[in-house]
C-alpha atoms as a PDB file:
ATOM      1  CA  UNK A   1      -8.558 -15.057  -2.142  1.00  0.00           C
ATOM      2  CA  UNK A   2     -11.792 -13.630  -1.461  1.00  0.00           C
ATOM      3  CA  UNK A   3     -14.465 -13.966   1.442  1.00  0.00           C
ATOM      4  CA  UNK A   4     -17.831 -11.942   1.972  1.00  0.00           C
ATOM      5  CA  UNK A   5     -18.024 -10.172   4.941  1.00  0.00           C
ATOM      6  CA  UNK A   6     -21.813  -8.477   5.299  1.00  0.00           C
ATOM      7  CA  UNK A   7     -22.558  -7.057   1.864  1.00  0.00           C
ATOM      8  CA  UNK A   8     -18.881  -6.563   1.182  1.00  0.00           C
ATOM      9  CA  UNK A   9     -16.181  -8.826  -0.892  1.00  0.00           C
ATOM     10  CA  UNK A  10     -12.938  -8.601   1.118  1.00  0.00           C
ATOM     11  CA  UNK A  11      -9.776  -9.621  -0.786  1.00  0.00           C
ATOM     12  CA  UNK A  12      -6.823 -10.614   1.020  1.00  0.00           C
ATOM     13  CA  UNK A  13      -4.179  -8.767  -0.872  1.00  0.00           C
ATOM     14  CA  UNK A  14      -0.430 -10.623  -0.718  1.00  0.00           C
ATOM     15  CA  UNK A  15       2.365  -8.041  -1.288  1.00  0.00           C
ATOM     16  CA  UNK A  16       5.760  -7.538  -0.169  1.00  0.00           C
ATOM     17  CA  UNK A  17       6.124  -4.176   1.934  1.00  0.00           C
ATOM     18  CA  UNK A  18       9.308  -3.340   2.953  1.00  0.00           C
ATOM     19  CA  UNK A  19      10.865  -6.576   2.300  1.00  0.00           C
ATOM     20  CA  UNK A  20       8.468  -8.543   4.192  1.00  0.00           C
ATOM     21  CA  UNK A  21       5.406 -10.484   3.265  1.00  0.00           C
ATOM     22  CA  UNK A  22       1.865  -8.763   4.211  1.00  0.00           C
ATOM     23  CA  UNK A  23      -1.754  -9.664   3.489  1.00  0.00           C
ATOM     24  CA  UNK A  24      -3.994  -6.907   3.177  1.00  0.00           C
ATOM     25  CA  UNK A  25      -7.689  -6.906   3.927  1.00  0.00           C
ATOM     26  CA  UNK A  26      -9.525  -4.712   1.335  1.00  0.00           C
ATOM     27  CA  UNK A  27     -12.919  -4.541  -0.477  1.00  0.00           C
ATOM     28  CA  UNK A  28     -10.586  -3.836  -3.861  1.00  0.00           C
ATOM     29  CA  UNK A  29      -8.376  -5.417  -5.834  1.00  0.00           C
ATOM     30  CA  UNK A  30      -6.502  -2.234  -6.491  1.00  0.00           C
ATOM     31  CA  UNK A  31      -5.183   0.144  -3.642  1.00  0.00           C
ATOM     32  CA  UNK A  32      -3.663   3.630  -3.851  1.00  0.00           C
ATOM     33  CA  UNK A  33      -0.765   4.600  -2.222  1.00  0.00           C
ATOM     34  CA  UNK A  34      -3.173   6.620   0.442  1.00  0.00           C
ATOM     35  CA  UNK A  35      -5.508   3.819   1.153  1.00  0.00           C
ATOM     36  CA  UNK A  36      -2.509   1.295   1.725  1.00  0.00           C
ATOM     37  CA  UNK A  37      -0.685   4.443   4.208  1.00  0.00           C
ATOM     38  CA  UNK A  38      -4.350   4.376   5.929  1.00  0.00           C
ATOM     39  CA  UNK A  39      -4.462   0.850   6.296  1.00  0.00           C
ATOM     40  CA  UNK A  40      -1.108   0.242   7.779  1.00  0.00           C
ATOM     41  CA  UNK A  41      -1.472   3.607  10.154  1.00  0.00           C
ATOM     42  CA  UNK A  42       1.593   5.014   8.490  1.00  0.00           C
ATOM     43  CA  UNK A  43       1.314   8.849   9.688  1.00  0.00           C
ATOM     44  CA  UNK A  44       4.621  10.161   8.684  1.00  0.00           C
ATOM     45  CA  UNK A  45       5.104  13.399   6.535  1.00  0.00           C
ATOM     46  CA  UNK A  46       7.820  12.816   4.173  1.00  0.00           C
ATOM     47  CA  UNK A  47       7.142   9.547   2.526  1.00  0.00           C
ATOM     48  CA  UNK A  48       8.754   8.072  -0.360  1.00  0.00           C
ATOM     49  CA  UNK A  49       6.959   5.100  -2.180  1.00  0.00           C
ATOM     50  CA  UNK A  50       8.483   2.901  -4.419  1.00  0.00           C
ATOM     51  CA  UNK A  51       6.265   0.347  -5.976  1.00  0.00           C
ATOM     52  CA  UNK A  52       8.473  -2.500  -8.202  1.00  0.00           C
ATOM     53  CA  UNK A  53      11.024  -0.398  -8.638  1.00  0.00           C
ATOM     54  CA  UNK A  54       9.394   2.702  -9.741  1.00  0.00           C
ATOM     55  CA  UNK A  55       8.921   5.884  -7.637  1.00  0.00           C
ATOM     56  CA  UNK A  56       5.679   7.051  -7.313  1.00  0.00           C
ATOM     57  CA  UNK A  57       5.243  11.142  -7.473  1.00  0.00           C
ATOM     58  CA  UNK A  58       2.975  12.426  -4.318  1.00  0.00           C
ATOM     59  CA  UNK A  59       0.467  13.530  -6.992  1.00  0.00           C
ATOM     60  CA  UNK A  60      -0.160   9.986  -7.853  1.00  0.00           C
ATOM     61  CA  UNK A  61      -0.720   8.613  -4.440  1.00  0.00           C
ATOM     62  CA  UNK A  62      -4.639   9.015  -4.934  1.00  0.00           C
ATOM     63  CA  UNK A  63      -4.591   6.539  -7.820  1.00  0.00           C
ATOM     64  CA  UNK A  64      -5.128   2.912  -7.106  1.00  0.00           C
ATOM     65  CA  UNK A  65      -2.205   0.920  -8.465  1.00  0.00           C
ATOM     66  CA  UNK A  66      -1.208  -1.410  -6.163  1.00  0.00           C
ATOM     67  CA  UNK A  67      -2.054  -5.115  -6.642  1.00  0.00           C
ATOM     68  CA  UNK A  68      -1.624  -8.391  -5.643  1.00  0.00           C
ATOM     69  CA  UNK A  69       2.187  -9.625  -5.430  1.00  0.00           C
ATOM     70  CA  UNK A  70       3.475  -5.930  -5.832  1.00  0.00           C
ATOM     71  CA  UNK A  71       6.782  -5.153  -3.813  1.00  0.00           C
ATOM     72  CA  UNK A  72       6.220  -1.745  -2.171  1.00  0.00           C
ATOM     73  CA  UNK A  73       8.422   0.092  -0.171  1.00  0.00           C
ATOM     74  CA  UNK A  74       7.538   3.014   1.772  1.00  0.00           C
ATOM     75  CA  UNK A  75      10.574   4.914   3.332  1.00  0.00           C
ATOM     76  CA  UNK A  76      10.684   7.814   5.695  1.00  0.00           C
ATOM     77  CA  UNK A  77      12.531  10.722   5.161  1.00  0.00           C
ATOM     78  CA  UNK A  78      14.044  12.380   7.904  1.00  0.00           C
ATOM     79  CA  UNK A  79      16.644  14.739   8.823  1.00  0.00           C
ATOM     80  CA  UNK A  80      19.155  15.135  11.675  1.00  0.00           C
ATOM     81  CA  UNK A  81      22.156  16.502  12.674  1.00  0.00           C
END
């Protein structure tokens, strides 16, 4: 579903993020991992991202690849002892 906001078309992308249904407002039909991290205000350093069961390498985080109905998991890795 799209709507016009000023001169931009805003897409409401529906996807599953960490097992929750989410609706993301974006002017694009495809989002990069970096864009989704920014939109969701995720600032963790060590994050593993899985899209539809595929682990995304860090070097691909800037490639637009997240689309409507994708199943995205963002896992924060931390140590403890």
